[in-house]
Amino acid sequence: MSATDTGNGMLKLLESQPYEVVIIDIKLEDVNGLDLLMTIQKMYPKMKKIILTSYPSSEEKIKVLERGADHYLSKPIKIEQLIEIVKQELCAGS
């Protein structure tokens, strides 16, 4: 497991090793999370992508899911819930 607080950092991590699941915040300091999602979807279409947001909206949820996200979650989220979703995605990919 690795973590970074920037979109460009995430892309560098993805270049260095494969991941089965990524968790992307919509609001990042260097890029828009939706743009990052679309880039990752093009590069790694089979990778599971979970989007987090502090400002959920039904319009954004539709955009995110249409652009390849597997989940759209509102913050704050209980860590147990997030772990369960990641486990489900990892089991689904097996």
PDB file of N, CA and C in Angstrom:
ATOM      1  N   MET A   1       0.851  -1.171   0.000  1.00  0.00           N
ATOM      2  CA  MET A   1       0.000   0.000   0.000  1.00  0.00           C
ATOM      3  C   MET A   1       0.894   1.230   0.000  1.00  0.00           C
ATOM      4  N   SER A   2       0.514   2.214  -0.793  1.00  0.00           N
ATOM      5  CA  SER A   2       1.239   3.473  -0.873  1.00  0.00           C
ATOM      6  C   SER A   2       0.244   4.611  -0.835  1.00  0.00           C
ATOM      7  N   ALA A   3       0.723   5.784  -0.478  1.00  0.00           N
ATOM      8  CA  ALA A   3      -0.147   6.950  -0.426  1.00  0.00           C
ATOM      9  C   ALA A   3       0.599   8.170  -0.938  1.00  0.00           C
ATOM     10  N   THR A   4      -0.166   9.083  -1.491  1.00  0.00           N
ATOM     11  CA  THR A   4       0.361  10.364  -1.936  1.00  0.00           C
ATOM     12  C   THR A   4      -0.777  11.375  -1.848  1.00  0.00           C
ATOM     13  N   ASP A   5      -0.442  12.646  -1.706  1.00  0.00           N
ATOM     14  CA  ASP A   5      -1.492  13.654  -1.599  1.00  0.00           C
ATOM     15  C   ASP A   5      -1.645  14.493  -2.871  1.00  0.00           C
ATOM     16  N   THR A   6      -1.019  14.030  -3.963  1.00  0.00           N
ATOM     17  CA  THR A   6      -1.146  14.747  -5.229  1.00  0.00           C
ATOM     18  C   THR A   6      -1.493  13.778  -6.360  1.00  0.00           C
ATOM     19  N   GLY A   7      -2.126  14.307  -7.372  1.00  0.00           N
ATOM     20  CA  GLY A   7      -2.445  13.495  -8.540  1.00  0.00           C
ATOM     21  C   GLY A   7      -1.206  13.069  -9.289  1.00  0.00           C
ATOM     22  N   ASN A   8      -0.249  13.980  -9.440  1.00  0.00           N
ATOM     23  CA  ASN A   8       0.988  13.627 -10.132  1.00  0.00           C
ATOM     24  C   ASN A   8       1.767  12.576  -9.352  1.00  0.00           C
ATOM     25  N   GLY A   9       1.717  12.651  -8.032  1.00  0.00           N
ATOM     26  CA  GLY A   9       2.348  11.627  -7.213  1.00  0.00           C
ATOM     27  C   GLY A   9       1.698  10.268  -7.428  1.00  0.00           C
ATOM     28  N   MET A  10       0.377  10.261  -7.583  1.00  0.00           N
ATOM     29  CA  MET A  10      -0.322   9.000  -7.826  1.00  0.00           C
ATOM     30  C   MET A  10       0.093   8.407  -9.169  1.00  0.00           C
ATOM     31  N   LEU A  11       0.186   9.234 -10.184  1.00  0.00           N
ATOM     32  CA  LEU A  11       0.597   8.726 -11.496  1.00  0.00           C
ATOM     33  C   LEU A  11       1.999   8.141 -11.447  1.00  0.00           C
ATOM     34  N   LYS A  12       2.900   8.760 -10.683  1.00  0.00           N
ATOM     35  CA  LYS A  12       4.259   8.222 -10.542  1.00  0.00           C
ATOM     36  C   LYS A  12       4.235   6.874  -9.824  1.00  0.00           C
ATOM     37  N   LEU A  13       3.394   6.762  -8.786  1.00  0.00           N
ATOM     38  CA  LEU A  13       3.271   5.482  -8.088  1.00  0.00           C
ATOM     39  C   LEU A  13       2.765   4.401  -9.031  1.00  0.00           C
ATOM     40  N   LEU A  14       1.783   4.745  -9.851  1.00  0.00           N
ATOM     41  CA  LEU A  14       1.205   3.769 -10.773  1.00  0.00           C
ATOM     42  C   LEU A  14       2.205   3.332 -11.836  1.00  0.00           C
ATOM     43  N   GLU A  15       3.106   4.228 -12.231  1.00  0.00           N
ATOM     44  CA  GLU A  15       4.145   3.866 -13.198  1.00  0.00           C
ATOM     45  C   GLU A  15       5.162   2.904 -12.587  1.00  0.00           C
ATOM     46  N   SER A  16       5.390   3.012 -11.283  1.00  0.00           N
ATOM     47  CA  SER A  16       6.438   2.220 -10.641  1.00  0.00           C
ATOM     48  C   SER A  16       5.995   0.813 -10.261  1.00  0.00           C
ATOM     49  N   GLN A  17       4.700   0.611 -10.030  1.00  0.00           N
ATOM     50  CA  GLN A  17       4.215  -0.730  -9.697  1.00  0.00           C
ATOM     51  C   GLN A  17       2.710  -0.810  -9.925  1.00  0.00           C
ATOM     52  N   PRO A  18       2.217  -2.010 -10.186  1.00  0.00           N
ATOM     53  CA  PRO A  18       0.781  -2.153 -10.431  1.00  0.00           C
ATOM     54  C   PRO A  18      -0.026  -2.131  -9.128  1.00  0.00           C
ATOM     55  N   TYR A  19      -1.221  -1.613  -9.216  1.00  0.00           N
ATOM     56  CA  TYR A  19      -2.164  -1.597  -8.108  1.00  0.00           C
ATOM     57  C   TYR A  19      -3.483  -2.148  -8.609  1.00  0.00           C
ATOM     58  N   GLU A  20      -4.228  -2.774  -7.743  1.00  0.00           N
ATOM     59  CA  GLU A  20      -5.537  -3.289  -8.113  1.00  0.00           C
ATOM     60  C   GLU A  20      -6.637  -2.274  -7.831  1.00  0.00           C
ATOM     61  N   VAL A  21      -6.420  -1.431  -6.806  1.00  0.00           N
ATOM     62  CA  VAL A  21      -7.427  -0.461  -6.383  1.00  0.00           C
ATOM     63  C   VAL A  21      -6.730   0.862  -6.087  1.00  0.00           C
ATOM     64  N   VAL A  22      -7.348   1.962  -6.531  1.00  0.00           N
ATOM     65  CA  VAL A  22      -6.878   3.293  -6.147  1.00  0.00           C
ATOM     66  C   VAL A  22      -8.039   4.052  -5.528  1.00  0.00           C
ATOM     67  N   ILE A  23      -7.706   4.924  -4.591  1.00  0.00           N
ATOM     68  CA  ILE A  23      -8.684   5.784  -3.944  1.00  0.00           C
ATOM     69  C   ILE A  23      -8.286   7.210  -4.293  1.00  0.00           C
ATOM     70  N   ILE A  24      -9.199   7.930  -4.920  1.00  0.00           N
ATOM     71  CA  ILE A  24      -8.915   9.271  -5.433  1.00  0.00           C
ATOM     72  C   ILE A  24      -9.857  10.275  -4.783  1.00  0.00           C
ATOM     73  N   ASP A  25      -9.297  11.336  -4.224  1.00  0.00           N
ATOM     74  CA  ASP A  25     -10.113  12.437  -3.715  1.00  0.00           C
ATOM     75  C   ASP A  25     -10.399  13.376  -4.884  1.00  0.00           C
ATOM     76  N   ILE A  26     -11.609  13.863  -4.970  1.00  0.00           N
ATOM     77  CA  ILE A  26     -11.965  14.792  -6.051  1.00  0.00           C
ATOM     78  C   ILE A  26     -11.149  16.081  -5.953  1.00  0.00           C
ATOM     79  N   LYS A  27     -10.901  16.558  -4.750  1.00  0.00           N
ATOM     80  CA  LYS A  27     -10.161  17.809  -4.561  1.00  0.00           C
ATOM     81  C   LYS A  27      -8.710  17.492  -4.202  1.00  0.00           C
ATOM     82  N   LEU A  28      -7.822  17.691  -5.165  1.00  0.00           N
ATOM     83  CA  LEU A  28      -6.388  17.508  -4.957  1.00  0.00           C
ATOM     84  C   LEU A  28      -5.699  18.844  -5.161  1.00  0.00           C
ATOM     85  N   GLU A  29      -4.523  18.985  -4.601  1.00  0.00           N
ATOM     86  CA  GLU A  29      -3.863  20.282  -4.694  1.00  0.00           C
ATOM     87  C   GLU A  29      -3.294  20.587  -6.073  1.00  0.00           C
ATOM     88  N   ASP A  30      -3.022  19.557  -6.879  1.00  0.00           N
ATOM     89  CA  ASP A  30      -2.369  19.826  -8.161  1.00  0.00           C
ATOM     90  C   ASP A  30      -3.221  19.524  -9.389  1.00  0.00           C
ATOM     91  N   VAL A  31      -4.208  18.653  -9.274  1.00  0.00           N
ATOM     92  CA  VAL A  31      -5.073  18.333 -10.406  1.00  0.00           C
ATOM     93  C   VAL A  31      -6.496  18.105  -9.907  1.00  0.00           C
ATOM     94  N   ASN A  32      -7.434  18.156 -10.826  1.00  0.00           N
ATOM     95  CA  ASN A  32      -8.816  17.832 -10.514  1.00  0.00           C
ATOM     96  C   ASN A  32      -8.943  16.313 -10.447  1.00  0.00           C
ATOM     97  N   GLY A  33      -9.577  15.806  -9.412  1.00  0.00           N
ATOM     98  CA  GLY A  33      -9.721  14.365  -9.248  1.00  0.00           C
ATOM     99  C   GLY A  33     -10.460  13.699 -10.388  1.00  0.00           C
ATOM    100  N   LEU A  34     -11.413  14.393 -10.997  1.00  0.00           N
ATOM    101  CA  LEU A  34     -12.144  13.836 -12.137  1.00  0.00           C
ATOM    102  C   LEU A  34     -11.213  13.674 -13.337  1.00  0.00           C
ATOM    103  N   ASP A  35     -10.342  14.656 -13.557  1.00  0.00           N
ATOM    104  CA  ASP A  35      -9.357  14.542 -14.640  1.00  0.00           C
ATOM    105  C   ASP A  35      -8.391  13.386 -14.368  1.00  0.00           C
ATOM    106  N   LEU A  36      -7.973  13.247 -13.119  1.00  0.00           N
ATOM    107  CA  LEU A  36      -7.085  12.148 -12.749  1.00  0.00           C
ATOM    108  C   LEU A  36      -7.775  10.808 -12.974  1.00  0.00           C
ATOM    109  N   LEU A  37      -9.036  10.714 -12.591  1.00  0.00           N
ATOM    110  CA  LEU A  37      -9.810   9.491 -12.820  1.00  0.00           C
ATOM    111  C   LEU A  37      -9.814   9.131 -14.297  1.00  0.00           C
ATOM    112  N   MET A  38     -10.073  10.106 -15.163  1.00  0.00           N
ATOM    113  CA  MET A  38     -10.137   9.839 -16.600  1.00  0.00           C
ATOM    114  C   MET A  38      -8.776   9.384 -17.133  1.00  0.00           C
ATOM    115  N   THR A  39      -7.697   9.976 -16.653  1.00  0.00           N
ATOM    116  CA  THR A  39      -6.357   9.568 -17.068  1.00  0.00           C
ATOM    117  C   THR A  39      -6.083   8.133 -16.642  1.00  0.00           C
ATOM    118  N   ILE A  40      -6.397   7.819 -15.390  1.00  0.00           N
ATOM    119  CA  ILE A  40      -6.163   6.460 -14.884  1.00  0.00           C
ATOM    120  C   ILE A  40      -7.057   5.463 -15.610  1.00  0.00           C
ATOM    121  N   GLN A  41      -8.286   5.846 -15.908  1.00  0.00           N
ATOM    122  CA  GLN A  41      -9.200   4.954 -16.632  1.00  0.00           C
ATOM    123  C   GLN A  41      -8.640   4.606 -18.006  1.00  0.00           C
ATOM    124  N   LYS A  42      -8.058   5.580 -18.683  1.00  0.00           N
ATOM    125  CA  LYS A  42      -7.467   5.323 -20.003  1.00  0.00           C
ATOM    126  C   LYS A  42      -6.236   4.421 -19.901  1.00  0.00           C
ATOM    127  N   MET A  43      -5.413   4.664 -18.886  1.00  0.00           N
ATOM    128  CA  MET A  43      -4.166   3.906 -18.735  1.00  0.00           C
ATOM    129  C   MET A  43      -4.392   2.512 -18.153  1.00  0.00           C
ATOM    130  N   TYR A  44      -5.329   2.400 -17.221  1.00  0.00           N
ATOM    131  CA  TYR A  44      -5.560   1.159 -16.478  1.00  0.00           C
ATOM    132  C   TYR A  44      -7.060   0.888 -16.357  1.00  0.00           C
ATOM    133  N   PRO A  45      -7.714   0.542 -17.434  1.00  0.00           N
ATOM    134  CA  PRO A  45      -9.183   0.406 -17.401  1.00  0.00           C
ATOM    135  C   PRO A  45      -9.693  -0.684 -16.457  1.00  0.00           C
ATOM    136  N   LYS A  46      -8.886  -1.696 -16.164  1.00  0.00           N
ATOM    137  CA  LYS A  46      -9.340  -2.775 -15.281  1.00  0.00           C
ATOM    138  C   LYS A  46      -9.106  -2.478 -13.800  1.00  0.00           C
ATOM    139  N   MET A  47      -8.312  -1.458 -13.504  1.00  0.00           N
ATOM    140  CA  MET A  47      -8.043  -1.084 -12.119  1.00  0.00           C
ATOM    141  C   MET A  47      -9.327  -0.568 -11.479  1.00  0.00           C
ATOM    142  N   LYS A  48      -9.579  -0.942 -10.243  1.00  0.00           N
ATOM    143  CA  LYS A  48     -10.748  -0.465  -9.513  1.00  0.00           C
ATOM    144  C   LYS A  48     -10.457   0.932  -8.991  1.00  0.00           C
ATOM    145  N   LYS A  49     -11.421   1.835  -9.164  1.00  0.00           N
ATOM    146  CA  LYS A  49     -11.235   3.224  -8.797  1.00  0.00           C
ATOM    147  C   LYS A  49     -12.353   3.668  -7.856  1.00  0.00           C
ATOM    148  N   ILE A  50     -11.961   4.155  -6.686  1.00  0.00           N
ATOM    149  CA  ILE A  50     -12.902   4.629  -5.675  1.00  0.00           C
ATOM    150  C   ILE A  50     -12.697   6.131  -5.531  1.00  0.00           C
ATOM    151  N   ILE A  51     -13.777   6.887  -5.659  1.00  0.00           N
ATOM    152  CA  ILE A  51     -13.715   8.346  -5.563  1.00  0.00           C
ATOM    153  C   ILE A  51     -14.285   8.784  -4.224  1.00  0.00           C
ATOM    154  N   LEU A  52     -13.567   9.714  -3.562  1.00  0.00           N
ATOM    155  CA  LEU A  52     -14.036  10.314  -2.320  1.00  0.00           C
ATOM    156  C   LEU A  52     -14.295  11.794  -2.540  1.00  0.00           C
ATOM    157  N   THR A  53     -15.337  12.314  -1.896  1.00  0.00           N
ATOM    158  CA  THR A  53     -15.625  13.737  -1.996  1.00  0.00           C
ATOM    159  C   THR A  53     -16.229  14.247  -0.694  1.00  0.00           C
ATOM    160  N   SER A  54     -15.944  15.498  -0.404  1.00  0.00           N
ATOM    161  CA  SER A  54     -16.564  16.157   0.749  1.00  0.00           C
ATOM    162  C   SER A  54     -17.813  16.919   0.338  1.00  0.00           C
ATOM    163  N   TYR A  55     -18.013  17.089  -0.958  1.00  0.00           N
ATOM    164  CA  TYR A  55     -19.140  17.871  -1.472  1.00  0.00           C
ATOM    165  C   TYR A  55     -19.910  17.060  -2.504  1.00  0.00           C
ATOM    166  N   PRO A  56     -20.621  16.027  -2.061  1.00  0.00           N
ATOM    167  CA  PRO A  56     -21.306  15.146  -3.016  1.00  0.00           C
ATOM    168  C   PRO A  56     -22.475  15.839  -3.716  1.00  0.00           C
ATOM    169  N   SER A  57     -22.662  15.443  -4.964  1.00  0.00           N
ATOM    170  CA  SER A  57     -23.836  15.897  -5.716  1.00  0.00           C
ATOM    171  C   SER A  57     -24.217  14.784  -6.682  1.00  0.00           C
ATOM    172  N   SER A  58     -25.488  14.728  -7.013  1.00  0.00           N
ATOM    173  CA  SER A  58     -25.939  13.674  -7.922  1.00  0.00           C
ATOM    174  C   SER A  58     -25.345  13.878  -9.315  1.00  0.00           C
ATOM    175  N   GLU A  59     -25.150  15.135  -9.739  1.00  0.00           N
ATOM    176  CA  GLU A  59     -24.563  15.404 -11.048  1.00  0.00           C
ATOM    177  C   GLU A  59     -23.119  14.908 -11.102  1.00  0.00           C
ATOM    178  N   GLU A  60     -22.366  15.193 -10.041  1.00  0.00           N
ATOM    179  CA  GLU A  60     -20.976  14.753 -10.009  1.00  0.00           C
ATOM    180  C   GLU A  60     -20.904  13.228  -9.951  1.00  0.00           C
ATOM    181  N   LYS A  61     -21.783  12.617  -9.182  1.00  0.00           N
ATOM    182  CA  LYS A  61     -21.787  11.154  -9.079  1.00  0.00           C
ATOM    183  C   LYS A  61     -21.982  10.521 -10.447  1.00  0.00           C
ATOM    184  N   ILE A  62     -22.911  11.056 -11.227  1.00  0.00           N
ATOM    185  CA  ILE A  62     -23.154  10.527 -12.574  1.00  0.00           C
ATOM    186  C   ILE A  62     -21.902  10.667 -13.436  1.00  0.00           C
ATOM    187  N   LYS A  63     -21.263  11.843 -13.404  1.00  0.00           N
ATOM    188  CA  LYS A  63     -20.044  12.063 -14.183  1.00  0.00           C
ATOM    189  C   LYS A  63     -18.948  11.083 -13.797  1.00  0.00           C
ATOM    190  N   VAL A  64     -18.756  10.928 -12.496  1.00  0.00           N
ATOM    191  CA  VAL A  64     -17.694  10.062 -11.983  1.00  0.00           C
ATOM    192  C   VAL A  64     -17.919   8.611 -12.405  1.00  0.00           C
ATOM    193  N   LEU A  65     -19.129   8.130 -12.259  1.00  0.00           N
ATOM    194  CA  LEU A  65     -19.415   6.743 -12.618  1.00  0.00           C
ATOM    195  C   LEU A  65     -19.353   6.532 -14.130  1.00  0.00           C
ATOM    196  N   GLU A  66     -19.780   7.521 -14.900  1.00  0.00           N
ATOM    197  CA  GLU A  66     -19.689   7.416 -16.365  1.00  0.00           C
ATOM    198  C   GLU A  66     -18.240   7.400 -16.844  1.00  0.00           C
ATOM    199  N   ARG A  67     -17.355   8.008 -16.070  1.00  0.00           N
ATOM    200  CA  ARG A  67     -15.950   8.104 -16.469  1.00  0.00           C
ATOM    201  C   ARG A  67     -15.084   6.982 -15.903  1.00  0.00           C
ATOM    202  N   GLY A  68     -15.726   5.969 -15.313  1.00  0.00           N
ATOM    203  CA  GLY A  68     -14.985   4.775 -14.954  1.00  0.00           C
ATOM    204  C   GLY A  68     -14.821   4.467 -13.477  1.00  0.00           C
ATOM    205  N   ALA A  69     -15.341   5.304 -12.599  1.00  0.00           N
ATOM    206  CA  ALA A  69     -15.224   4.989 -11.169  1.00  0.00           C
ATOM    207  C   ALA A  69     -16.111   3.804 -10.816  1.00  0.00           C
ATOM    208  N   ASP A  70     -15.653   3.024  -9.863  1.00  0.00           N
ATOM    209  CA  ASP A  70     -16.427   1.891  -9.384  1.00  0.00           C
ATOM    210  C   ASP A  70     -17.277   2.267  -8.175  1.00  0.00           C
ATOM    211  N   HIS A  71     -16.835   3.292  -7.434  1.00  0.00           N
ATOM    212  CA  HIS A  71     -17.581   3.774  -6.260  1.00  0.00           C
ATOM    213  C   HIS A  71     -17.417   5.277  -6.153  1.00  0.00           C
ATOM    214  N   TYR A  72     -18.436   5.925  -5.615  1.00  0.00           N
ATOM    215  CA  TYR A  72     -18.440   7.359  -5.335  1.00  0.00           C
ATOM    216  C   TYR A  72     -18.887   7.483  -3.887  1.00  0.00           C
ATOM    217  N   LEU A  73     -17.975   7.878  -3.001  1.00  0.00           N
ATOM    218  CA  LEU A  73     -18.250   7.895  -1.574  1.00  0.00           C
ATOM    219  C   LEU A  73     -18.125   9.299  -1.003  1.00  0.00           C
ATOM    220  N   SER A  74     -18.991   9.612  -0.046  1.00  0.00           N
ATOM    221  CA  SER A  74     -18.976  10.914   0.618  1.00  0.00           C
ATOM    222  C   SER A  74     -18.162  10.852   1.896  1.00  0.00           C
ATOM    223  N   LYS A  75     -17.368  11.884   2.115  1.00  0.00           N
ATOM    224  CA  LYS A  75     -16.642  12.024   3.374  1.00  0.00           C
ATOM    225  C   LYS A  75     -17.531  12.796   4.343  1.00  0.00           C
ATOM    226  N   PRO A  76     -17.394  12.585   5.613  1.00  0.00           N
ATOM    227  CA  PRO A  76     -16.485  11.610   6.207  1.00  0.00           C
ATOM    228  C   PRO A  76     -17.007  10.198   6.012  1.00  0.00           C
ATOM    229  N   ILE A  77     -16.085   9.283   5.890  1.00  0.00           N
ATOM    230  CA  ILE A  77     -16.439   7.875   5.736  1.00  0.00           C
ATOM    231  C   ILE A  77     -15.739   7.091   6.841  1.00  0.00           C
ATOM    232  N   LYS A  78     -16.427   6.145   7.389  1.00  0.00           N
ATOM    233  CA  LYS A  78     -15.812   5.300   8.421  1.00  0.00           C
ATOM    234  C   LYS A  78     -14.784   4.400   7.751  1.00  0.00           C
ATOM    235  N   ILE A  79     -13.630   4.300   8.373  1.00  0.00           N
ATOM    236  CA  ILE A  79     -12.549   3.509   7.797  1.00  0.00           C
ATOM    237  C   ILE A  79     -12.972   2.061   7.596  1.00  0.00           C
ATOM    238  N   GLU A  80     -13.801   1.545   8.480  1.00  0.00           N
ATOM    239  CA  GLU A  80     -14.275   0.171   8.346  1.00  0.00           C
ATOM    240  C   GLU A  80     -15.080  -0.007   7.053  1.00  0.00           C
ATOM    241  N   GLN A  81     -15.895   1.000   6.729  1.00  0.00           N
ATOM    242  CA  GLN A  81     -16.691   0.950   5.501  1.00  0.00           C
ATOM    243  C   GLN A  81     -15.774   0.977   4.279  1.00  0.00           C
ATOM    244  N   LEU A  82     -14.778   1.836   4.296  1.00  0.00           N
ATOM    245  CA  LEU A  82     -13.841   1.929   3.172  1.00  0.00           C
ATOM    246  C   LEU A  82     -13.059   0.621   3.012  1.00  0.00           C
ATOM    247  N   ILE A  83     -12.613   0.057   4.112  1.00  0.00           N
ATOM    248  CA  ILE A  83     -11.891  -1.222   4.051  1.00  0.00           C
ATOM    249  C   ILE A  83     -12.783  -2.306   3.468  1.00  0.00           C
ATOM    250  N   GLU A  84     -14.036  -2.343   3.863  1.00  0.00           N
ATOM    251  CA  GLU A  84     -14.959  -3.354   3.341  1.00  0.00           C
ATOM    252  C   GLU A  84     -15.153  -3.198   1.834  1.00  0.00           C
ATOM    253  N   ILE A  85     -15.271  -1.974   1.352  1.00  0.00           N
ATOM    254  CA  ILE A  85     -15.428  -1.732  -0.082  1.00  0.00           C
ATOM    255  C   ILE A  85     -14.177  -2.161  -0.837  1.00  0.00           C
ATOM    256  N   VAL A  86     -13.000  -1.848  -0.305  1.00  0.00           N
ATOM    257  CA  VAL A  86     -11.746  -2.264  -0.955  1.00  0.00           C
ATOM    258  C   VAL A  86     -11.667  -3.792  -0.988  1.00  0.00           C
ATOM    259  N   LYS A  87     -12.005  -4.440   0.114  1.00  0.00           N
ATOM    260  CA  LYS A  87     -11.993  -5.910   0.139  1.00  0.00           C
ATOM    261  C   LYS A  87     -12.934  -6.485  -0.917  1.00  0.00           C
ATOM    262  N   GLN A  88     -14.123  -5.913  -1.032  1.00  0.00           N
ATOM    263  CA  GLN A  88     -15.085  -6.383  -2.030  1.00  0.00           C
ATOM    264  C   GLN A  88     -14.510  -6.242  -3.427  1.00  0.00           C
ATOM    265  N   GLU A  89     -13.881  -5.139  -3.706  1.00  0.00           N
ATOM    266  CA  GLU A  89     -13.305  -4.914  -5.035  1.00  0.00           C
ATOM    267  C   GLU A  89     -12.151  -5.880  -5.308  1.00  0.00           C
ATOM    268  N   LEU A  90     -11.341  -6.136  -4.315  1.00  0.00           N
ATOM    269  CA  LEU A  90     -10.228  -7.076  -4.492  1.00  0.00           C
ATOM    270  C   LEU A  90     -10.747  -8.484  -4.722  1.00  0.00           C
ATOM    271  N   CYS A  91     -11.791  -8.878  -4.024  1.00  0.00           N
ATOM    272  CA  CYS A  91     -12.376 -10.201  -4.218  1.00  0.00           C
ATOM    273  C   CYS A  91     -13.062 -10.305  -5.583  1.00  0.00           C
ATOM    274  N   ALA A  92     -13.686  -9.222  -6.025  1.00  0.00           N
ATOM    275  CA  ALA A  92     -14.370  -9.216  -7.318  1.00  0.00           C
ATOM    276  C   ALA A  92     -13.370  -9.333  -8.460  1.00  0.00           C
ATOM    277  N   GLY A  93     -12.167  -8.827  -8.257  1.00  0.00           N
ATOM    278  CA  GLY A  93     -11.143  -8.876  -9.292  1.00  0.00           C
ATOM    279  C   GLY A  93     -10.435 -10.208  -9.387  1.00  0.00           C
ATOM    280  N   SER A  94     -10.649 -11.074  -8.412  1.00  0.00           N
ATOM    281  CA  SER A  94      -9.955 -12.367  -8.394  1.00  0.00           C
ATOM    282  C   SER A  94     -10.574 -13.361  -9.347  1.00  0.00           C
TER     283      SER A  94
END
